[in-house]
């Protein structure tokens, strides 16, 4: 069986593990990305397509034309959202598709992209917004999976032709799992060997936080609370932003406490937490009661905006409690998020759907 993962970028480096899992189970697999991730994660086939990527000028253009992917800010809404292009995008997107078509076709011939049996579209994204590629793949008897990571459905919304062509919808986001009955939950894969073991030192308690989008993580509140605590306790805030992944991981391993997010309990945790838990760093996040019921054996120290200061104060002053949370992390990651276990779960679903040959 040949399985292709297609993604705008290699989100947090995790997509490489999906491919690794397929290969470990005896199948052929590749990862194709539109552009190189800002944090320089490893690539397989990177097409370096134009008019897309993390460049600041491109984000300014998107804001200027009121891009449909930025029109719906994350609010925790239960509304079902489908991507609606702005007036300017209705003109520009076909032009981008026109520029991409020869590049995509050239890559497809070089790497035999259309010959794969299963196409996993990360973030529900195919090459073309009109869905011409997924429609042709379905007509040729290929299978389509859409794997949603969060902000794609929360802000941009589902892309209608891709959504309609998808046979299996999956997500690692608990709020999306609850909101969309079509979505099946899939734990993110992780490899504990990818990160160093925690090695905090010194009497000052280092508390790290690594937001990609500050408003989504409750960053302002986190910084405010830590700065307040630092006036009376030996505490240092370590903000990890806009740096290569290798440097970010090293900084995180030197910290005593990591805070994922406090903005929404249904958002729970992501790769930031997987890394800190696997290292053996005491990890703080916000989990709703429904999320806690879903993963009752979780190793997190729980906090919300109203009690973050109280939770952190207790962890700072109680080394034994801090170490209890820290030591519970690596084993839970191995049990719940091991990359091969996730692959086995995926292949069990493919088998149930009659896709595996």
C-alpha atoms as a PDB file:
ATOM      1  CA  UNK A   1       0.000   0.000   0.000  1.00  0.00           C
ATOM      2  CA  UNK A   2       1.251   3.487  -0.903  1.00  0.00           C
ATOM      3  CA  UNK A   3       0.272   6.355   1.398  1.00  0.00           C
ATOM      4  CA  UNK A   4       0.956  10.020   0.655  1.00  0.00           C
ATOM      5  CA  UNK A   5       0.721  12.824   3.206  1.00  0.00           C
ATOM      6  CA  UNK A   6       0.191  16.282   1.701  1.00  0.00           C
ATOM      7  CA  UNK A   7       0.568  19.415   3.813  1.00  0.00           C
ATOM      8  CA  UNK A   8       1.264  23.135   3.397  1.00  0.00           C
ATOM      9  CA  UNK A   9       4.189  22.674   5.815  1.00  0.00           C
ATOM     10  CA  UNK A  10       5.599  20.052   8.163  1.00  0.00           C
ATOM     11  CA  UNK A  11       3.620  21.221  11.181  1.00  0.00           C
ATOM     12  CA  UNK A  12       5.787  20.926  14.317  1.00  0.00           C
ATOM     13  CA  UNK A  13       7.799  18.116  12.688  1.00  0.00           C
ATOM     14  CA  UNK A  14       5.159  15.559  13.645  1.00  0.00           C
ATOM     15  CA  UNK A  15       4.089  14.694  10.092  1.00  0.00           C
ATOM     16  CA  UNK A  16       7.390  12.918   9.533  1.00  0.00           C
ATOM     17  CA  UNK A  17       6.298  10.415  12.198  1.00  0.00           C
ATOM     18  CA  UNK A  18       3.127   9.512  10.305  1.00  0.00           C
ATOM     19  CA  UNK A  19       5.316   8.536   7.354  1.00  0.00           C
ATOM     20  CA  UNK A  20       7.704   6.668   9.661  1.00  0.00           C
ATOM     21  CA  UNK A  21       4.793   4.693  11.076  1.00  0.00           C
ATOM     22  CA  UNK A  22       3.470   3.631   7.674  1.00  0.00           C
ATOM     23  CA  UNK A  23       6.926   2.478   6.602  1.00  0.00           C
ATOM     24  CA  UNK A  24       7.430   0.541   9.849  1.00  0.00           C
ATOM     25  CA  UNK A  25       4.226  -1.372   9.092  1.00  0.00           C
ATOM     26  CA  UNK A  26       5.528  -2.387   5.666  1.00  0.00           C
ATOM     27  CA  UNK A  27       4.006   0.267   3.420  1.00  0.00           C
ATOM     28  CA  UNK A  28       5.453   2.914   1.116  1.00  0.00           C
ATOM     29  CA  UNK A  29       4.916   6.493   2.272  1.00  0.00           C
ATOM     30  CA  UNK A  30       6.053  10.041   1.476  1.00  0.00           C
ATOM     31  CA  UNK A  31       5.397  13.552   2.784  1.00  0.00           C
ATOM     32  CA  UNK A  32       4.914  16.413   0.332  1.00  0.00           C
ATOM     33  CA  UNK A  33       4.892  20.013   1.570  1.00  0.00           C
ATOM     34  CA  UNK A  34       4.095  23.272  -0.199  1.00  0.00           C
ATOM     35  CA  UNK A  35       6.820  25.249   1.580  1.00  0.00           C
ATOM     36  CA  UNK A  36       9.521  24.955   4.247  1.00  0.00           C
ATOM     37  CA  UNK A  37       8.365  25.398   7.829  1.00  0.00           C
ATOM     38  CA  UNK A  38       9.633  28.535   9.566  1.00  0.00           C
ATOM     39  CA  UNK A  39      11.132  26.432  12.375  1.00  0.00           C
ATOM     40  CA  UNK A  40      13.151  24.370   9.883  1.00  0.00           C
ATOM     41  CA  UNK A  41      11.691  20.941  10.562  1.00  0.00           C
ATOM     42  CA  UNK A  42      12.961  18.048   8.400  1.00  0.00           C
ATOM     43  CA  UNK A  43      11.508  17.775   4.910  1.00  0.00           C
ATOM     44  CA  UNK A  44      10.856  14.900   2.527  1.00  0.00           C
ATOM     45  CA  UNK A  45       9.540  16.387  -0.728  1.00  0.00           C
ATOM     46  CA  UNK A  46       9.261  20.169  -0.423  1.00  0.00           C
ATOM     47  CA  UNK A  47       7.943  21.866  -3.567  1.00  0.00           C
ATOM     48  CA  UNK A  48       8.725  25.471  -2.499  1.00  0.00           C
ATOM     49  CA  UNK A  49       5.601  26.734  -4.237  1.00  0.00           C
ATOM     50  CA  UNK A  50       5.253  30.506  -4.760  1.00  0.00           C
ATOM     51  CA  UNK A  51       2.688  32.818  -3.109  1.00  0.00           C
ATOM     52  CA  UNK A  52       2.451  30.734   0.052  1.00  0.00           C
ATOM     53  CA  UNK A  53       4.483  30.460   3.246  1.00  0.00           C
ATOM     54  CA  UNK A  54       5.342  32.160   6.534  1.00  0.00           C
ATOM     55  CA  UNK A  55       6.781  35.352   5.026  1.00  0.00           C
ATOM     56  CA  UNK A  56       5.646  38.493   6.813  1.00  0.00           C
ATOM     57  CA  UNK A  57       4.891  40.315   3.539  1.00  0.00           C
ATOM     58  CA  UNK A  58       2.465  37.543   2.562  1.00  0.00           C
ATOM     59  CA  UNK A  59       0.618  37.814   5.873  1.00  0.00           C
ATOM     60  CA  UNK A  60       0.344  41.578   5.327  1.00  0.00           C
ATOM     61  CA  UNK A  61      -1.189  40.934   1.914  1.00  0.00           C
ATOM     62  CA  UNK A  62      -3.659  38.455   3.439  1.00  0.00           C
ATOM     63  CA  UNK A  63      -4.714  41.011   6.029  1.00  0.00           C
ATOM     64  CA  UNK A  64      -4.989  43.714   3.356  1.00  0.00           C
ATOM     65  CA  UNK A  65      -7.294  41.663   1.123  1.00  0.00           C
ATOM     66  CA  UNK A  66      -9.197  40.278   4.127  1.00  0.00           C
ATOM     67  CA  UNK A  67      -8.273  36.723   3.368  1.00  0.00           C
ATOM     68  CA  UNK A  68     -11.063  34.220   3.982  1.00  0.00           C
ATOM     69  CA  UNK A  69      -8.676  32.196   6.141  1.00  0.00           C
ATOM     70  CA  UNK A  70      -8.324  35.105   8.578  1.00  0.00           C
ATOM     71  CA  UNK A  71     -11.904  36.366   8.711  1.00  0.00           C
ATOM     72  CA  UNK A  72     -13.027  34.144  11.581  1.00  0.00           C
ATOM     73  CA  UNK A  73     -10.848  34.657  14.671  1.00  0.00           C
ATOM     74  CA  UNK A  74     -10.567  31.783  17.128  1.00  0.00           C
ATOM     75  CA  UNK A  75     -13.266  32.272  19.767  1.00  0.00           C
ATOM     76  CA  UNK A  76     -14.085  28.726  20.817  1.00  0.00           C
ATOM     77  CA  UNK A  77     -17.300  28.996  18.823  1.00  0.00           C
ATOM     78  CA  UNK A  78     -19.365  25.888  18.105  1.00  0.00           C
ATOM     79  CA  UNK A  79     -20.256  27.263  14.672  1.00  0.00           C
ATOM     80  CA  UNK A  80     -19.518  25.018  11.695  1.00  0.00           C
ATOM     81  CA  UNK A  81     -17.339  27.004   9.309  1.00  0.00           C
ATOM     82  CA  UNK A  82     -16.648  26.514   5.606  1.00  0.00           C
ATOM     83  CA  UNK A  83     -13.996  28.545   3.823  1.00  0.00           C
ATOM     84  CA  UNK A  84     -15.430  31.567   2.044  1.00  0.00           C
ATOM     85  CA  UNK A  85     -12.983  33.515  -0.136  1.00  0.00           C
ATOM     86  CA  UNK A  86     -12.981  37.295  -0.058  1.00  0.00           C
ATOM     87  CA  UNK A  87     -13.747  39.188  -3.258  1.00  0.00           C
ATOM     88  CA  UNK A  88     -10.063  39.726  -3.963  1.00  0.00           C
ATOM     89  CA  UNK A  89      -9.289  36.059  -3.296  1.00  0.00           C
ATOM     90  CA  UNK A  90     -11.843  35.050  -5.916  1.00  0.00           C
ATOM     91  CA  UNK A  91      -9.575  36.745  -8.410  1.00  0.00           C
ATOM     92  CA  UNK A  92      -6.172  35.853  -6.938  1.00  0.00           C
ATOM     93  CA  UNK A  93      -6.711  32.183  -6.058  1.00  0.00           C
ATOM     94  CA  UNK A  94      -7.368  31.087  -9.672  1.00  0.00           C
ATOM     95  CA  UNK A  95      -4.210  32.956 -10.673  1.00  0.00           C
ATOM     96  CA  UNK A  96      -2.239  31.117  -8.007  1.00  0.00           C
ATOM     97  CA  UNK A  97      -3.707  27.812  -9.190  1.00  0.00           C
ATOM     98  CA  UNK A  98      -2.610  28.713 -12.704  1.00  0.00           C
ATOM     99  CA  UNK A  99       0.948  29.358 -11.504  1.00  0.00           C
ATOM    100  CA  UNK A 100       1.009  26.189  -9.414  1.00  0.00           C
ATOM    101  CA  UNK A 101      -0.432  23.798 -11.998  1.00  0.00           C
ATOM    102  CA  UNK A 102       2.776  23.191 -14.049  1.00  0.00           C
ATOM    103  CA  UNK A 103       4.889  22.933 -10.863  1.00  0.00           C
ATOM    104  CA  UNK A 104       2.520  20.436  -9.287  1.00  0.00           C
ATOM    105  CA  UNK A 105       2.217  18.402 -12.483  1.00  0.00           C
ATOM    106  CA  UNK A 106       5.999  18.286 -12.841  1.00  0.00           C
ATOM    107  CA  UNK A 107       6.371  17.072  -9.250  1.00  0.00           C
ATOM    108  CA  UNK A 108       3.565  14.561  -9.718  1.00  0.00           C
ATOM    109  CA  UNK A 109       5.396  12.999 -12.659  1.00  0.00           C
ATOM    110  CA  UNK A 110       8.755  13.042 -10.905  1.00  0.00           C
ATOM    111  CA  UNK A 111       7.495  11.430  -7.685  1.00  0.00           C
ATOM    112  CA  UNK A 112       4.458   9.532  -9.082  1.00  0.00           C
ATOM    113  CA  UNK A 113       2.201  11.412  -6.673  1.00  0.00           C
ATOM    114  CA  UNK A 114      -1.053  10.360  -8.329  1.00  0.00           C
ATOM    115  CA  UNK A 115      -0.123   6.674  -8.014  1.00  0.00           C
ATOM    116  CA  UNK A 116      -0.508   6.567  -4.228  1.00  0.00           C
ATOM    117  CA  UNK A 117      -3.469   4.568  -2.930  1.00  0.00           C
ATOM    118  CA  UNK A 118      -4.306   6.766   0.070  1.00  0.00           C
ATOM    119  CA  UNK A 119      -3.897  10.542   0.119  1.00  0.00           C
ATOM    120  CA  UNK A 120      -3.879  12.100   3.592  1.00  0.00           C
ATOM    121  CA  UNK A 121      -4.570  15.829   3.344  1.00  0.00           C
ATOM    122  CA  UNK A 122      -3.207  17.559   6.428  1.00  0.00           C
ATOM    123  CA  UNK A 123      -5.444  20.450   7.412  1.00  0.00           C
ATOM    124  CA  UNK A 124      -7.906  19.365   4.718  1.00  0.00           C
ATOM    125  CA  UNK A 125      -5.719  21.012   2.060  1.00  0.00           C
ATOM    126  CA  UNK A 126      -5.182  19.786  -1.470  1.00  0.00           C
ATOM    127  CA  UNK A 127      -3.057  21.602  -4.036  1.00  0.00           C
ATOM    128  CA  UNK A 128      -5.961  23.533  -5.552  1.00  0.00           C
ATOM    129  CA  UNK A 129      -8.777  25.375  -3.781  1.00  0.00           C
ATOM    130  CA  UNK A 130     -11.297  24.295  -6.411  1.00  0.00           C
ATOM    131  CA  UNK A 131     -10.544  20.674  -5.511  1.00  0.00           C
ATOM    132  CA  UNK A 132      -9.735  19.583  -9.054  1.00  0.00           C
ATOM    133  CA  UNK A 133      -6.993  17.249  -7.820  1.00  0.00           C
ATOM    134  CA  UNK A 134      -9.039  15.442  -5.148  1.00  0.00           C
ATOM    135  CA  UNK A 135     -11.956  15.056  -7.538  1.00  0.00           C
ATOM    136  CA  UNK A 136      -9.693  13.357 -10.093  1.00  0.00           C
ATOM    137  CA  UNK A 137      -8.162  11.143  -7.409  1.00  0.00           C
ATOM    138  CA  UNK A 138     -11.580  10.001  -6.213  1.00  0.00           C
ATOM    139  CA  UNK A 139     -12.670   9.348  -9.809  1.00  0.00           C
ATOM    140  CA  UNK A 140      -9.555   7.178 -10.209  1.00  0.00           C
ATOM    141  CA  UNK A 141     -10.514   5.114  -7.148  1.00  0.00           C
ATOM    142  CA  UNK A 142      -7.983   6.636  -4.748  1.00  0.00           C
ATOM    143  CA  UNK A 143      -8.879   7.121  -1.082  1.00  0.00           C
ATOM    144  CA  UNK A 144      -8.925  10.542   0.606  1.00  0.00           C
ATOM    145  CA  UNK A 145      -8.318  11.254   4.306  1.00  0.00           C
ATOM    146  CA  UNK A 146      -8.439  14.744   5.804  1.00  0.00           C
ATOM    147  CA  UNK A 147      -6.560  15.195   9.084  1.00  0.00           C
ATOM    148  CA  UNK A 148      -7.386  18.454  10.873  1.00  0.00           C
ATOM    149  CA  UNK A 149      -4.949  20.098  13.292  1.00  0.00           C
ATOM    150  CA  UNK A 150      -7.057  22.899  14.734  1.00  0.00           C
ATOM    151  CA  UNK A 151      -6.763  26.386  13.352  1.00  0.00           C
ATOM    152  CA  UNK A 152      -7.673  25.156   9.874  1.00  0.00           C
ATOM    153  CA  UNK A 153     -11.242  24.372  10.951  1.00  0.00           C
ATOM    154  CA  UNK A 154     -11.389  26.992  13.708  1.00  0.00           C
ATOM    155  CA  UNK A 155     -10.361  29.961  11.528  1.00  0.00           C
ATOM    156  CA  UNK A 156     -10.277  29.064   7.849  1.00  0.00           C
ATOM    157  CA  UNK A 157     -13.017  26.451   7.894  1.00  0.00           C
ATOM    158  CA  UNK A 158     -13.367  23.323   5.785  1.00  0.00           C
ATOM    159  CA  UNK A 159     -12.739  23.629   2.053  1.00  0.00           C
ATOM    160  CA  UNK A 160     -16.000  22.401   0.534  1.00  0.00           C
ATOM    161  CA  UNK A 161     -14.739  20.305  -2.440  1.00  0.00           C
ATOM    162  CA  UNK A 162     -12.113  18.628  -0.249  1.00  0.00           C
ATOM    163  CA  UNK A 163     -14.600  18.002   2.565  1.00  0.00           C
ATOM    164  CA  UNK A 164     -17.086  16.452   0.128  1.00  0.00           C
ATOM    165  CA  UNK A 165     -14.405  14.226  -1.437  1.00  0.00           C
ATOM    166  CA  UNK A 166     -13.025  12.993   1.883  1.00  0.00           C
ATOM    167  CA  UNK A 167     -13.935   9.486   3.023  1.00  0.00           C
ATOM    168  CA  UNK A 168     -12.314   9.629   6.472  1.00  0.00           C
ATOM    169  CA  UNK A 169     -12.056  12.788   8.582  1.00  0.00           C
ATOM    170  CA  UNK A 170      -9.672  12.710  11.574  1.00  0.00           C
ATOM    171  CA  UNK A 171      -8.456  15.244  14.122  1.00  0.00           C
ATOM    172  CA  UNK A 172      -6.120  15.531  17.089  1.00  0.00           C
ATOM    173  CA  UNK A 173      -8.155  18.461  18.457  1.00  0.00           C
ATOM    174  CA  UNK A 174     -10.698  17.580  21.138  1.00  0.00           C
ATOM    175  CA  UNK A 175     -12.932  20.612  20.564  1.00  0.00           C
ATOM    176  CA  UNK A 176     -13.217  19.763  16.860  1.00  0.00           C
ATOM    177  CA  UNK A 177     -13.872  16.121  17.722  1.00  0.00           C
ATOM    178  CA  UNK A 178     -16.813  17.253  19.846  1.00  0.00           C
ATOM    179  CA  UNK A 179     -18.094  19.792  17.338  1.00  0.00           C
ATOM    180  CA  UNK A 180     -18.020  17.764  14.110  1.00  0.00           C
ATOM    181  CA  UNK A 181     -19.682  14.323  14.246  1.00  0.00           C
ATOM    182  CA  UNK A 182     -17.794  13.333  11.091  1.00  0.00           C
ATOM    183  CA  UNK A 183     -14.407  13.628  12.809  1.00  0.00           C
ATOM    184  CA  UNK A 184     -12.671  10.656  14.425  1.00  0.00           C
ATOM    185  CA  UNK A 185     -10.109  11.323  17.139  1.00  0.00           C
ATOM    186  CA  UNK A 186      -6.479  10.479  16.407  1.00  0.00           C
ATOM    187  CA  UNK A 187      -3.718  10.969  18.969  1.00  0.00           C
ATOM    188  CA  UNK A 188      -0.693  12.804  17.616  1.00  0.00           C
ATOM    189  CA  UNK A 189       2.327  10.531  17.077  1.00  0.00           C
ATOM    190  CA  UNK A 190       5.488  11.249  19.031  1.00  0.00           C
ATOM    191  CA  UNK A 191       8.979   9.819  19.341  1.00  0.00           C
ATOM    192  CA  UNK A 192      10.550  10.433  22.746  1.00  0.00           C
ATOM    193  CA  UNK A 193      14.024  10.015  21.253  1.00  0.00           C
ATOM    194  CA  UNK A 194      13.478  13.302  19.376  1.00  0.00           C
ATOM    195  CA  UNK A 195      13.896  15.388  22.534  1.00  0.00           C
ATOM    196  CA  UNK A 196      16.553  15.548  25.266  1.00  0.00           C
ATOM    197  CA  UNK A 197      15.766  14.668  28.848  1.00  0.00           C
ATOM    198  CA  UNK A 198      14.954  17.526  31.179  1.00  0.00           C
ATOM    199  CA  UNK A 199      18.010  19.035  32.828  1.00  0.00           C
ATOM    200  CA  UNK A 200      16.956  22.111  34.815  1.00  0.00           C
ATOM    201  CA  UNK A 201      19.573  23.636  37.068  1.00  0.00           C
ATOM    202  CA  UNK A 202      19.995  26.462  39.528  1.00  0.00           C
ATOM    203  CA  UNK A 203      17.805  27.763  42.318  1.00  0.00           C
ATOM    204  CA  UNK A 204      15.738  29.975  40.013  1.00  0.00           C
ATOM    205  CA  UNK A 205      12.628  28.165  38.753  1.00  0.00           C
ATOM    206  CA  UNK A 206      12.442  28.598  34.978  1.00  0.00           C
ATOM    207  CA  UNK A 207       8.927  28.586  33.513  1.00  0.00           C
ATOM    208  CA  UNK A 208       8.724  28.306  29.733  1.00  0.00           C
ATOM    209  CA  UNK A 209       5.909  28.995  27.305  1.00  0.00           C
ATOM    210  CA  UNK A 210       6.119  28.547  23.524  1.00  0.00           C
ATOM    211  CA  UNK A 211       3.139  30.115  21.742  1.00  0.00           C
ATOM    212  CA  UNK A 212       2.694  30.152  17.989  1.00  0.00           C
ATOM    213  CA  UNK A 213      -0.343  32.450  18.235  1.00  0.00           C
ATOM    214  CA  UNK A 214      -0.391  34.276  21.561  1.00  0.00           C
ATOM    215  CA  UNK A 215      -4.126  34.963  21.692  1.00  0.00           C
ATOM    216  CA  UNK A 216      -4.910  31.269  21.286  1.00  0.00           C
ATOM    217  CA  UNK A 217      -2.672  30.275  24.209  1.00  0.00           C
ATOM    218  CA  UNK A 218      -3.530  32.988  26.721  1.00  0.00           C
ATOM    219  CA  UNK A 219       0.064  34.221  26.593  1.00  0.00           C
ATOM    220  CA  UNK A 220      -0.539  37.702  27.973  1.00  0.00           C
ATOM    221  CA  UNK A 221      -2.129  36.298  31.126  1.00  0.00           C
ATOM    222  CA  UNK A 222       0.676  33.740  31.545  1.00  0.00           C
ATOM    223  CA  UNK A 223       3.383  36.418  31.281  1.00  0.00           C
ATOM    224  CA  UNK A 224       1.489  38.694  33.650  1.00  0.00           C
ATOM    225  CA  UNK A 225       1.164  35.990  36.317  1.00  0.00           C
ATOM    226  CA  UNK A 226       4.791  34.813  36.095  1.00  0.00           C
ATOM    227  CA  UNK A 227       6.096  38.374  36.260  1.00  0.00           C
ATOM    228  CA  UNK A 228       3.960  38.975  39.363  1.00  0.00           C
ATOM    229  CA  UNK A 229       5.297  35.820  41.014  1.00  0.00           C
ATOM    230  CA  UNK A 230       8.873  36.783  40.162  1.00  0.00           C
ATOM    231  CA  UNK A 231       8.612  39.793  42.501  1.00  0.00           C
ATOM    232  CA  UNK A 232       8.420  37.552  45.553  1.00  0.00           C
ATOM    233  CA  UNK A 233       9.720  34.162  44.365  1.00  0.00           C
ATOM    234  CA  UNK A 234      12.861  32.985  42.489  1.00  0.00           C
ATOM    235  CA  UNK A 235      11.130  32.623  39.114  1.00  0.00           C
ATOM    236  CA  UNK A 236      12.197  33.369  35.541  1.00  0.00           C
ATOM    237  CA  UNK A 237       9.906  33.559  32.493  1.00  0.00           C
ATOM    238  CA  UNK A 238      11.331  31.846  29.371  1.00  0.00           C
ATOM    239  CA  UNK A 239       9.364  32.800  26.255  1.00  0.00           C
ATOM    240  CA  UNK A 240      10.179  30.524  23.325  1.00  0.00           C
ATOM    241  CA  UNK A 241       9.176  32.219  20.075  1.00  0.00           C
ATOM    242  CA  UNK A 242      10.428  32.656  16.505  1.00  0.00           C
ATOM    243  CA  UNK A 243      13.439  30.391  16.687  1.00  0.00           C
ATOM    244  CA  UNK A 244      14.681  27.167  15.108  1.00  0.00           C
ATOM    245  CA  UNK A 245      13.190  24.054  16.640  1.00  0.00           C
ATOM    246  CA  UNK A 246      16.529  22.678  17.878  1.00  0.00           C
ATOM    247  CA  UNK A 247      17.178  25.803  19.938  1.00  0.00           C
ATOM    248  CA  UNK A 248      13.584  25.848  21.239  1.00  0.00           C
ATOM    249  CA  UNK A 249      13.807  22.238  22.434  1.00  0.00           C
ATOM    250  CA  UNK A 250      17.108  22.885  24.201  1.00  0.00           C
ATOM    251  CA  UNK A 251      15.657  25.865  26.043  1.00  0.00           C
ATOM    252  CA  UNK A 252      12.606  23.866  27.063  1.00  0.00           C
ATOM    253  CA  UNK A 253      14.719  21.033  28.476  1.00  0.00           C
ATOM    254  CA  UNK A 254      16.452  23.507  30.792  1.00  0.00           C
ATOM    255  CA  UNK A 255      13.186  24.600  32.414  1.00  0.00           C
ATOM    256  CA  UNK A 256      11.436  23.335  35.548  1.00  0.00           C
ATOM    257  CA  UNK A 257       7.858  24.049  34.390  1.00  0.00           C
ATOM    258  CA  UNK A 258       6.268  24.365  30.950  1.00  0.00           C
ATOM    259  CA  UNK A 259       2.906  26.029  30.319  1.00  0.00           C
ATOM    260  CA  UNK A 260       1.069  24.993  27.173  1.00  0.00           C
ATOM    261  CA  UNK A 261      -2.096  27.106  27.289  1.00  0.00           C
ATOM    262  CA  UNK A 262      -4.775  28.433  29.623  1.00  0.00           C
ATOM    263  CA  UNK A 263      -7.145  30.005  27.093  1.00  0.00           C
ATOM    264  CA  UNK A 264      -9.536  27.097  26.464  1.00  0.00           C
ATOM    265  CA  UNK A 265      -9.955  23.770  28.183  1.00  0.00           C
ATOM    266  CA  UNK A 266     -11.240  22.108  25.023  1.00  0.00           C
ATOM    267  CA  UNK A 267      -8.032  23.021  23.164  1.00  0.00           C
ATOM    268  CA  UNK A 268      -6.152  21.039  25.784  1.00  0.00           C
ATOM    269  CA  UNK A 269      -2.612  20.336  24.624  1.00  0.00           C
ATOM    270  CA  UNK A 270      -0.460  19.964  21.537  1.00  0.00           C
ATOM    271  CA  UNK A 271       3.089  19.272  20.452  1.00  0.00           C
ATOM    272  CA  UNK A 272       4.462  21.742  22.994  1.00  0.00           C
ATOM    273  CA  UNK A 273       3.123  19.485  25.724  1.00  0.00           C
ATOM    274  CA  UNK A 274       4.242  16.294  24.015  1.00  0.00           C
ATOM    275  CA  UNK A 275       7.801  17.610  24.003  1.00  0.00           C
ATOM    276  CA  UNK A 276       7.862  18.813  27.611  1.00  0.00           C
ATOM    277  CA  UNK A 277       6.098  15.705  28.946  1.00  0.00           C
ATOM    278  CA  UNK A 278       8.482  13.423  27.040  1.00  0.00           C
ATOM    279  CA  UNK A 279      11.452  15.329  28.465  1.00  0.00           C
ATOM    280  CA  UNK A 280      10.160  15.000  32.007  1.00  0.00           C
ATOM    281  CA  UNK A 281       9.247  18.651  32.533  1.00  0.00           C
ATOM    282  CA  UNK A 282       6.264  19.441  34.766  1.00  0.00           C
ATOM    283  CA  UNK A 283       3.618  20.580  32.260  1.00  0.00           C
ATOM    284  CA  UNK A 284       0.675  22.900  32.912  1.00  0.00           C
ATOM    285  CA  UNK A 285      -2.373  23.243  30.681  1.00  0.00           C
ATOM    286  CA  UNK A 286      -6.125  23.808  30.740  1.00  0.00           C
ATOM    287  CA  UNK A 287      -8.350  20.761  30.218  1.00  0.00           C
ATOM    288  CA  UNK A 288     -12.140  20.881  30.217  1.00  0.00           C
ATOM    289  CA  UNK A 289     -13.974  18.306  32.316  1.00  0.00           C
ATOM    290  CA  UNK A 290     -14.995  16.467  29.145  1.00  0.00           C
ATOM    291  CA  UNK A 291     -11.349  16.338  28.052  1.00  0.00           C
ATOM    292  CA  UNK A 292     -10.297  15.043  31.478  1.00  0.00           C
ATOM    293  CA  UNK A 293     -12.916  12.296  31.204  1.00  0.00           C
ATOM    294  CA  UNK A 294     -11.550  11.417  27.742  1.00  0.00           C
ATOM    295  CA  UNK A 295      -7.949  11.031  29.033  1.00  0.00           C
ATOM    296  CA  UNK A 296      -8.441  10.302  32.764  1.00  0.00           C
ATOM    297  CA  UNK A 297      -4.850   9.092  33.254  1.00  0.00           C
ATOM    298  CA  UNK A 298      -3.286  12.342  31.972  1.00  0.00           C
ATOM    299  CA  UNK A 299      -0.100  13.665  33.698  1.00  0.00           C
ATOM    300  CA  UNK A 300      -0.885  17.403  33.497  1.00  0.00           C
ATOM    301  CA  UNK A 301      -0.967  19.997  36.239  1.00  0.00           C
ATOM    302  CA  UNK A 302      -4.242  21.779  35.477  1.00  0.00           C
ATOM    303  CA  UNK A 303      -4.760  25.544  35.489  1.00  0.00           C
ATOM    304  CA  UNK A 304      -7.224  28.145  34.244  1.00  0.00           C
ATOM    305  CA  UNK A 305      -6.835  31.915  34.040  1.00  0.00           C
ATOM    306  CA  UNK A 306      -8.484  32.469  37.421  1.00  0.00           C
ATOM    307  CA  UNK A 307      -6.221  30.050  39.357  1.00  0.00           C
ATOM    308  CA  UNK A 308      -2.977  30.060  37.336  1.00  0.00           C
ATOM    309  CA  UNK A 309      -1.131  32.072  39.978  1.00  0.00           C
ATOM    310  CA  UNK A 310      -2.215  29.676  42.740  1.00  0.00           C
ATOM    311  CA  UNK A 311      -1.241  26.582  40.720  1.00  0.00           C
ATOM    312  CA  UNK A 312       2.175  27.965  39.765  1.00  0.00           C
ATOM    313  CA  UNK A 313       2.915  29.138  43.301  1.00  0.00           C
ATOM    314  CA  UNK A 314       2.279  25.627  44.625  1.00  0.00           C
ATOM    315  CA  UNK A 315       4.473  24.031  41.937  1.00  0.00           C
ATOM    316  CA  UNK A 316       7.275  26.532  42.526  1.00  0.00           C
ATOM    317  CA  UNK A 317       7.321  25.978  46.282  1.00  0.00           C
ATOM    318  CA  UNK A 318       6.711  22.217  46.299  1.00  0.00           C
ATOM    319  CA  UNK A 319       9.567  20.454  44.514  1.00  0.00           C
ATOM    320  CA  UNK A 320       8.139  17.025  45.342  1.00  0.00           C
ATOM    321  CA  UNK A 321       4.815  17.868  43.680  1.00  0.00           C
ATOM    322  CA  UNK A 322       6.624  19.330  40.692  1.00  0.00           C
ATOM    323  CA  UNK A 323       8.718  16.178  40.315  1.00  0.00           C
ATOM    324  CA  UNK A 324       5.601  14.002  40.601  1.00  0.00           C
ATOM    325  CA  UNK A 325       4.082  15.629  37.512  1.00  0.00           C
ATOM    326  CA  UNK A 326       7.434  15.637  35.717  1.00  0.00           C
ATOM    327  CA  UNK A 327       8.096  11.931  36.239  1.00  0.00           C
ATOM    328  CA  UNK A 328       4.605  10.939  35.031  1.00  0.00           C
ATOM    329  CA  UNK A 329       5.103  12.487  31.597  1.00  0.00           C
ATOM    330  CA  UNK A 330       7.476  10.207  29.647  1.00  0.00           C
ATOM    331  CA  UNK A 331       5.590   6.985  30.393  1.00  0.00           C
ATOM    332  CA  UNK A 332       2.256   8.497  29.428  1.00  0.00           C
ATOM    333  CA  UNK A 333       3.673   9.745  26.134  1.00  0.00           C
ATOM    334  CA  UNK A 334       4.996   6.246  25.332  1.00  0.00           C
ATOM    335  CA  UNK A 335       1.636   4.696  26.219  1.00  0.00           C
ATOM    336  CA  UNK A 336      -0.661   7.184  24.500  1.00  0.00           C
ATOM    337  CA  UNK A 337       1.288   8.888  21.700  1.00  0.00           C
ATOM    338  CA  UNK A 338       3.941   6.426  20.521  1.00  0.00           C
ATOM    339  CA  UNK A 339       4.329   6.907  16.775  1.00  0.00           C
ATOM    340  CA  UNK A 340       3.989   3.238  15.926  1.00  0.00           C
ATOM    341  CA  UNK A 341       0.850   2.795  18.044  1.00  0.00           C
ATOM    342  CA  UNK A 342      -0.745   5.738  16.226  1.00  0.00           C
ATOM    343  CA  UNK A 343       0.174   4.174  12.879  1.00  0.00           C
ATOM    344  CA  UNK A 344      -1.334   0.860  13.956  1.00  0.00           C
ATOM    345  CA  UNK A 345      -4.561   2.639  14.900  1.00  0.00           C
ATOM    346  CA  UNK A 346      -4.701   4.350  11.511  1.00  0.00           C
ATOM    347  CA  UNK A 347      -4.090   1.130   9.628  1.00  0.00           C
ATOM    348  CA  UNK A 348      -6.777  -0.642  11.626  1.00  0.00           C
ATOM    349  CA  UNK A 349      -9.261   1.982  10.370  1.00  0.00           C
ATOM    350  CA  UNK A 350      -7.995   1.600   6.809  1.00  0.00           C
ATOM    351  CA  UNK A 351      -8.472  -2.149   7.118  1.00  0.00           C
ATOM    352  CA  UNK A 352     -12.003  -1.714   8.477  1.00  0.00           C
ATOM    353  CA  UNK A 353     -12.786   0.491   5.482  1.00  0.00           C
ATOM    354  CA  UNK A 354     -11.465  -2.174   3.126  1.00  0.00           C
ATOM    355  CA  UNK A 355      -8.599  -0.051   1.839  1.00  0.00           C
ATOM    356  CA  UNK A 356      -5.607  -2.214   2.724  1.00  0.00           C
ATOM    357  CA  UNK A 357      -4.416  -4.738   0.165  1.00  0.00           C
END
